[in-house]
Amino acid sequence: MIFEFKNINQDECITMVMAPALITLLIAGAEGGIDKKEIDWGAKIAHFRANEQSILQN
């Protein structure tokens, strides 16, 4: 675990894990819409992240 993240609570941990996906949606949506290529890439990243151990976990 990264030392600076040791004292964050569960809600903060979830927010940190979700941040990349939320930022991706924000940027894609700012263009006026989210195209299929962006959705496919997001699904691939989400699947990959779900299968790796988070640096925020012990």
Foldseek 3Di string as FASTA:
>chain_A
DPPVLPPDDPVVVVCVLCVVVVVLCVVCVVVVHHDPVSVVVSVVVVVVSVPDDDPSDD
